[in-house]
Each structure stands twice: as structure tokens, then as C-alpha cells.
PDB file of N, CA and C in Angstrom:
ATOM      1  N   MET A   1      11.481  27.267 -14.365  1.00  0.00           N
ATOM      2  CA  MET A   1      12.408  28.359 -14.165  1.00  0.00           C
ATOM      3  C   MET A   1      13.724  28.029 -14.858  1.00  0.00           C
ATOM      4  N   LYS A   2      14.282  28.990 -15.569  1.00  0.00           N
ATOM      5  CA  LYS A   2      15.554  28.800 -16.253  1.00  0.00           C
ATOM      6  C   LYS A   2      16.603  29.681 -15.596  1.00  0.00           C
ATOM      7  N   ASN A   3      17.845  29.212 -15.646  1.00  0.00           N
ATOM      8  CA  ASN A   3      18.931  30.016 -15.110  1.00  0.00           C
ATOM      9  C   ASN A   3      19.378  31.020 -16.166  1.00  0.00           C
ATOM     10  N   ASP A   4      20.441  31.760 -15.892  1.00  0.00           N
ATOM     11  CA  ASP A   4      20.915  32.785 -16.824  1.00  0.00           C
ATOM     12  C   ASP A   4      21.315  32.217 -18.171  1.00  0.00           C
ATOM     13  N   ALA A   5      21.762  30.975 -18.212  1.00  0.00           N
ATOM     14  CA  ALA A   5      22.174  30.354 -19.472  1.00  0.00           C
ATOM     15  C   ALA A   5      20.981  29.794 -20.245  1.00  0.00           C
ATOM     16  N   GLY A   6      19.808  29.780 -19.641  1.00  0.00           N
ATOM     17  CA  GLY A   6      18.613  29.294 -20.316  1.00  0.00           C
ATOM     18  C   GLY A   6      18.338  27.811 -20.156  1.00  0.00           C
ATOM     19  N   TRP A   7      19.084  27.127 -19.298  1.00  0.00           N
ATOM     20  CA  TRP A   7      18.878  25.693 -19.079  1.00  0.00           C
ATOM     21  C   TRP A   7      17.822  25.500 -17.995  1.00  0.00           C
ATOM     22  N   PRO A   8      16.812  24.658 -18.217  1.00  0.00           N
ATOM     23  CA  PRO A   8      15.730  24.445 -17.237  1.00  0.00           C
ATOM     24  C   PRO A   8      16.091  23.403 -16.174  1.00  0.00           C
ATOM     25  N   PHE A   9      17.166  23.634 -15.441  1.00  0.00           N
ATOM     26  CA  PHE A   9      17.646  22.647 -14.476  1.00  0.00           C
ATOM     27  C   PHE A   9      16.623  22.339 -13.383  1.00  0.00           C
ATOM     28  N   GLU A  10      15.866  23.331 -12.963  1.00  0.00           N
ATOM     29  CA  GLU A  10      14.875  23.084 -11.907  1.00  0.00           C
ATOM     30  C   GLU A  10      13.809  22.106 -12.397  1.00  0.00           C
ATOM     31  N   VAL A  11      13.352  22.273 -13.618  1.00  0.00           N
ATOM     32  CA  VAL A  11      12.356  21.370 -14.204  1.00  0.00           C
ATOM     33  C   VAL A  11      12.959  19.978 -14.359  1.00  0.00           C
ATOM     34  N   TRP A  12      14.189  19.924 -14.867  1.00  0.00           N
ATOM     35  CA  TRP A  12      14.858  18.635 -15.053  1.00  0.00           C
ATOM     36  C   TRP A  12      15.056  17.917 -13.728  1.00  0.00           C
ATOM     37  N   LEU A  13      15.417  18.663 -12.680  1.00  0.00           N
ATOM     38  CA  LEU A  13      15.621  18.064 -11.364  1.00  0.00           C
ATOM     39  C   LEU A  13      14.316  17.446 -10.858  1.00  0.00           C
ATOM     40  N   LYS A  14      13.213  18.158 -11.021  1.00  0.00           N
ATOM     41  CA  LYS A  14      11.915  17.612 -10.596  1.00  0.00           C
ATOM     42  C   LYS A  14      11.572  16.356 -11.394  1.00  0.00           C
ATOM     43  N   LEU A  15      11.807  16.368 -12.680  1.00  0.00           N
ATOM     44  CA  LEU A  15      11.565  15.197 -13.522  1.00  0.00           C
ATOM     45  C   LEU A  15      12.422  14.025 -13.067  1.00  0.00           C
ATOM     46  N   ALA A  16      13.694  14.294 -12.797  1.00  0.00           N
ATOM     47  CA  ALA A  16      14.626  13.243 -12.384  1.00  0.00           C
ATOM     48  C   ALA A  16      14.179  12.588 -11.075  1.00  0.00           C
ATOM     49  N   ILE A  17      13.741  13.405 -10.133  1.00  0.00           N
ATOM     50  CA  ILE A  17      13.363  12.881  -8.817  1.00  0.00           C
ATOM     51  C   ILE A  17      11.987  12.232  -8.837  1.00  0.00           C
ATOM     52  N   ILE A  18      10.998  12.945  -9.371  1.00  0.00           N
ATOM     53  CA  ILE A  18       9.613  12.479  -9.295  1.00  0.00           C
ATOM     54  C   ILE A  18       9.326  11.340 -10.272  1.00  0.00           C
ATOM     55  N   GLN A  19       9.746  11.499 -11.521  1.00  0.00           N
ATOM     56  CA  GLN A  19       9.380  10.501 -12.524  1.00  0.00           C
ATOM     57  C   GLN A  19      10.425   9.409 -12.713  1.00  0.00           C
ATOM     58  N   LEU A  20      11.702   9.745 -12.565  1.00  0.00           N
ATOM     59  CA  LEU A  20      12.746   8.757 -12.814  1.00  0.00           C
ATOM     60  C   LEU A  20      13.303   8.130 -11.547  1.00  0.00           C
ATOM     61  N   GLY A  21      12.974   8.700 -10.391  1.00  0.00           N
ATOM     62  CA  GLY A  21      13.411   8.134  -9.126  1.00  0.00           C
ATOM     63  C   GLY A  21      14.885   8.331  -8.807  1.00  0.00           C
ATOM     64  N   LEU A  22      15.511   9.307  -9.459  1.00  0.00           N
ATOM     65  CA  LEU A  22      16.919   9.588  -9.159  1.00  0.00           C
ATOM     66  C   LEU A  22      17.019  10.432  -7.895  1.00  0.00           C
ATOM     67  N   THR A  23      18.143  10.362  -7.248  1.00  0.00           N
ATOM     68  CA  THR A  23      18.388  11.251  -6.118  1.00  0.00           C
ATOM     69  C   THR A  23      18.943  12.563  -6.674  1.00  0.00           C
ATOM     70  N   PRO A  24      18.789  13.662  -5.939  1.00  0.00           N
ATOM     71  CA  PRO A  24      19.383  14.914  -6.407  1.00  0.00           C
ATOM     72  C   PRO A  24      20.884  14.777  -6.636  1.00  0.00           C
ATOM     73  N   GLU A  25      21.553  14.044  -5.773  1.00  0.00           N
ATOM     74  CA  GLU A  25      23.000  13.844  -5.925  1.00  0.00           C
ATOM     75  C   GLU A  25      23.332  13.159  -7.256  1.00  0.00           C
ATOM     76  N   ASN A  26      22.578  12.108  -7.600  1.00  0.00           N
ATOM     77  CA  ASN A  26      22.821  11.423  -8.869  1.00  0.00           C
ATOM     78  C   ASN A  26      22.504  12.315 -10.064  1.00  0.00           C
ATOM     79  N   PHE A  27      21.450  13.114  -9.940  1.00  0.00           N
ATOM     80  CA  PHE A  27      21.116  14.040 -11.024  1.00  0.00           C
ATOM     81  C   PHE A  27      22.250  15.014 -11.274  1.00  0.00           C
ATOM     82  N   TRP A  28      22.770  15.620 -10.213  1.00  0.00           N
ATOM     83  CA  TRP A  28      23.814  16.640 -10.384  1.00  0.00           C
ATOM     84  C   TRP A  28      25.142  16.042 -10.821  1.00  0.00           C
ATOM     85  N   LYS A  29      25.358  14.767 -10.580  1.00  0.00           N
ATOM     86  CA  LYS A  29      26.586  14.107 -11.049  1.00  0.00           C
ATOM     87  C   LYS A  29      26.494  13.712 -12.530  1.00  0.00           C
ATOM     88  N   MET A  30      25.280  13.663 -13.068  1.00  0.00           N
ATOM     89  CA  MET A  30      25.058  13.203 -14.430  1.00  0.00           C
ATOM     90  C   MET A  30      25.507  14.257 -15.450  1.00  0.00           C
ATOM     91  N   SER A  31      26.129  13.805 -16.522  1.00  0.00           N
ATOM     92  CA  SER A  31      26.506  14.730 -17.593  1.00  0.00           C
ATOM     93  C   SER A  31      25.270  15.074 -18.420  1.00  0.00           C
ATOM     94  N   LEU A  32      25.342  16.166 -19.167  1.00  0.00           N
ATOM     95  CA  LEU A  32      24.232  16.534 -20.038  1.00  0.00           C
ATOM     96  C   LEU A  32      24.007  15.487 -21.118  1.00  0.00           C
ATOM     97  N   ILE A  33      25.071  14.906 -21.614  1.00  0.00           N
ATOM     98  CA  ILE A  33      24.945  13.854 -22.632  1.00  0.00           C
ATOM     99  C   ILE A  33      24.167  12.673 -22.067  1.00  0.00           C
ATOM    100  N   ASP A  34      24.499  12.272 -20.835  1.00  0.00           N
ATOM    101  CA  ASP A  34      23.766  11.171 -20.191  1.00  0.00           C
ATOM    102  C   ASP A  34      22.309  11.550 -19.954  1.00  0.00           C
ATOM    103  N   TRP A  35      22.069  12.783 -19.521  1.00  0.00           N
ATOM    104  CA  TRP A  35      20.708  13.235 -19.260  1.00  0.00           C
ATOM    105  C   TRP A  35      19.877  13.194 -20.540  1.00  0.00           C
ATOM    106  N   PHE A  36      20.433  13.714 -21.632  1.00  0.00           N
ATOM    107  CA  PHE A  36      19.696  13.721 -22.896  1.00  0.00           C
ATOM    108  C   PHE A  36      19.449  12.298 -23.394  1.00  0.00           C
ATOM    109  N   ALA A  37      20.414  11.418 -23.211  1.00  0.00           N
ATOM    110  CA  ALA A  37      20.228  10.023 -23.617  1.00  0.00           C
ATOM    111  C   ALA A  37      19.127   9.361 -22.785  1.00  0.00           C
ATOM    112  N   LEU A  38      19.059   9.699 -21.520  1.00  0.00           N
ATOM    113  CA  LEU A  38      18.066   9.123 -20.624  1.00  0.00           C
ATOM    114  C   LEU A  38      16.661   9.642 -20.906  1.00  0.00           C
ATOM    115  N   THR A  39      16.543  10.895 -21.278  1.00  0.00           N
ATOM    116  CA  THR A  39      15.221  11.509 -21.418  1.00  0.00           C
ATOM    117  C   THR A  39      14.747  11.648 -22.861  1.00  0.00           C
ATOM    118  N   ARG A  40      15.615  11.404 -23.811  1.00  0.00           N
ATOM    119  CA  ARG A  40      15.216  11.520 -25.223  1.00  0.00           C
ATOM    120  C   ARG A  40      14.247  10.395 -25.565  1.00  0.00           C
ATOM    121  N   THR A  41      13.227  10.727 -26.328  1.00  0.00           N
ATOM    122  CA  THR A  41      12.317   9.675 -26.775  1.00  0.00           C
ATOM    123  C   THR A  41      12.996   8.908 -27.892  1.00  0.00           C
ATOM    124  N   SER A  42      12.972   7.618 -27.797  1.00  0.00           N
ATOM    125  CA  SER A  42      13.673   6.793 -28.773  1.00  0.00           C
ATOM    126  C   SER A  42      12.719   6.031 -29.684  1.00  0.00           C
ATOM    127  N   ALA A  43      11.444   6.319 -29.563  1.00  0.00           N
ATOM    128  CA  ALA A  43      10.477   5.625 -30.414  1.00  0.00           C
ATOM    129  C   ALA A  43      10.631   6.102 -31.857  1.00  0.00           C
ATOM    130  N   PRO A  44      10.575   5.179 -32.782  1.00  0.00           N
ATOM    131  CA  PRO A  44      10.667   5.594 -34.187  1.00  0.00           C
ATOM    132  C   PRO A  44       9.435   6.386 -34.586  1.00  0.00           C
ATOM    133  N   SER A  45       9.601   7.272 -35.544  1.00  0.00           N
ATOM    134  CA  SER A  45       8.462   8.057 -35.997  1.00  0.00           C
ATOM    135  C   SER A  45       7.535   7.185 -36.836  1.00  0.00           C
ATOM    136  N   ALA A  46       6.288   7.562 -36.883  1.00  0.00           N
ATOM    137  CA  ALA A  46       5.303   6.805 -37.644  1.00  0.00           C
ATOM    138  C   ALA A  46       5.557   6.969 -39.141  1.00  0.00           C
ATOM    139  N   MET A  47       5.139   5.972 -39.888  1.00  0.00           N
ATOM    140  CA  MET A  47       5.289   6.033 -41.336  1.00  0.00           C
ATOM    141  C   MET A  47       4.327   7.081 -41.891  1.00  0.00           C
ATOM    142  N   LEU A  48       4.838   7.908 -42.777  1.00  0.00           N
ATOM    143  CA  LEU A  48       4.001   8.904 -43.423  1.00  0.00           C
ATOM    144  C   LEU A  48       3.221   8.265 -44.559  1.00  0.00           C
ATOM    145  N   LYS A  49       2.125   8.915 -44.928  1.00  0.00           N
ATOM    146  CA  LYS A  49       1.307   8.405 -46.029  1.00  0.00           C
ATOM    147  C   LYS A  49       2.133   8.310 -47.314  1.00  0.00           C
ATOM    148  N   SER A  50       2.989   9.284 -47.543  1.00  0.00           N
ATOM    149  CA  SER A  50       3.830   9.265 -48.744  1.00  0.00           C
ATOM    150  C   SER A  50       4.806   8.087 -48.716  1.00  0.00           C
ATOM    151  N   ASP A  51       5.291   7.728 -47.521  1.00  0.00           N
ATOM    152  CA  ASP A  51       6.180   6.566 -47.393  1.00  0.00           C
ATOM    153  C   ASP A  51       5.435   5.277 -47.721  1.00  0.00           C
ATOM    154  N   LEU A  52       4.203   5.190 -47.233  1.00  0.00           N
ATOM    155  CA  LEU A  52       3.391   4.015 -47.518  1.00  0.00           C
ATOM    156  C   LEU A  52       3.101   3.910 -49.014  1.00  0.00           C
ATOM    157  N   TYR A  53       2.788   5.022 -49.636  1.00  0.00           N
ATOM    158  CA  TYR A  53       2.513   5.032 -51.075  1.00  0.00           C
ATOM    159  C   TYR A  53       3.740   4.556 -51.853  1.00  0.00           C
ATOM    160  N   LYS A  54       4.929   5.065 -51.478  1.00  0.00           N
ATOM    161  CA  LYS A  54       6.160   4.654 -52.156  1.00  0.00           C
ATOM    162  C   LYS A  54       6.411   3.161 -51.955  1.00  0.00           C
ATOM    163  N   LEU A  55       6.180   2.673 -50.759  1.00  0.00           N
ATOM    164  CA  LEU A  55       6.354   1.259 -50.471  1.00  0.00           C
ATOM    165  C   LEU A  55       5.411   0.403 -51.335  1.00  0.00           C
ATOM    166  N   GLU A  56       4.178   0.866 -51.459  1.00  0.00           N
ATOM    167  CA  GLU A  56       3.221   0.142 -52.305  1.00  0.00           C
ATOM    168  C   GLU A  56       3.669   0.137 -53.771  1.00  0.00           C
ATOM    169  N   GLN A  57       4.221   1.245 -54.215  1.00  0.00           N
ATOM    170  CA  GLN A  57       4.688   1.335 -55.608  1.00  0.00           C
ATOM    171  C   GLN A  57       5.904   0.452 -55.827  1.00  0.00           C
ATOM    172  N   ASP A  58       6.805   0.413 -54.873  1.00  0.00           N
ATOM    173  CA  ASP A  58       8.038  -0.366 -55.010  1.00  0.00           C
ATOM    174  C   ASP A  58       7.762  -1.871 -54.951  1.00  0.00           C
ATOM    175  N   TYR A  59       6.731  -2.280 -54.212  1.00  0.00           N
ATOM    176  CA  TYR A  59       6.467  -3.713 -54.016  1.00  0.00           C
ATOM    177  C   TYR A  59       5.019  -4.045 -54.412  1.00  0.00           C
ATOM    178  N   GLU A  60       4.691  -3.818 -55.662  1.00  0.00           N
ATOM    179  CA  GLU A  60       3.327  -4.090 -56.152  1.00  0.00           C
ATOM    180  C   GLU A  60       3.010  -5.555 -56.102  1.00  0.00           C
TER     181      GLU A  60
END
């Protein structure tokens, strides 16, 4: 469910409590910047085939 501004706070609250173990109070005190930093995936993207080809060409 989204509010009038289009932010899915209800979904985020459930994620914060169920998966991250935060209390509702801590969730509501958190800034959006902190929330995005906490929930953003930080894994690097996989190497593309074209990247591998270029690497092979650069280091024959």
C-alpha cells in the first residue's frame, strides 16, 4: 500500500520489523537516506561478456 505521495511506507515498515529486526519506533526515527543505505544492495554487478573480451584483448 502506498500513501498519497507514493511512498510504500507500510511495505518498508514490514521489511524493517520482520527481516531487519528493527522496532517500529526505530524505523520511524530513521531518515530516508539511512533507510536507502541500509536496504540498497551493495553487491557489485557481474562482469559482462564484453568486459571480459576487452580485458582479454588488453592483457593478451
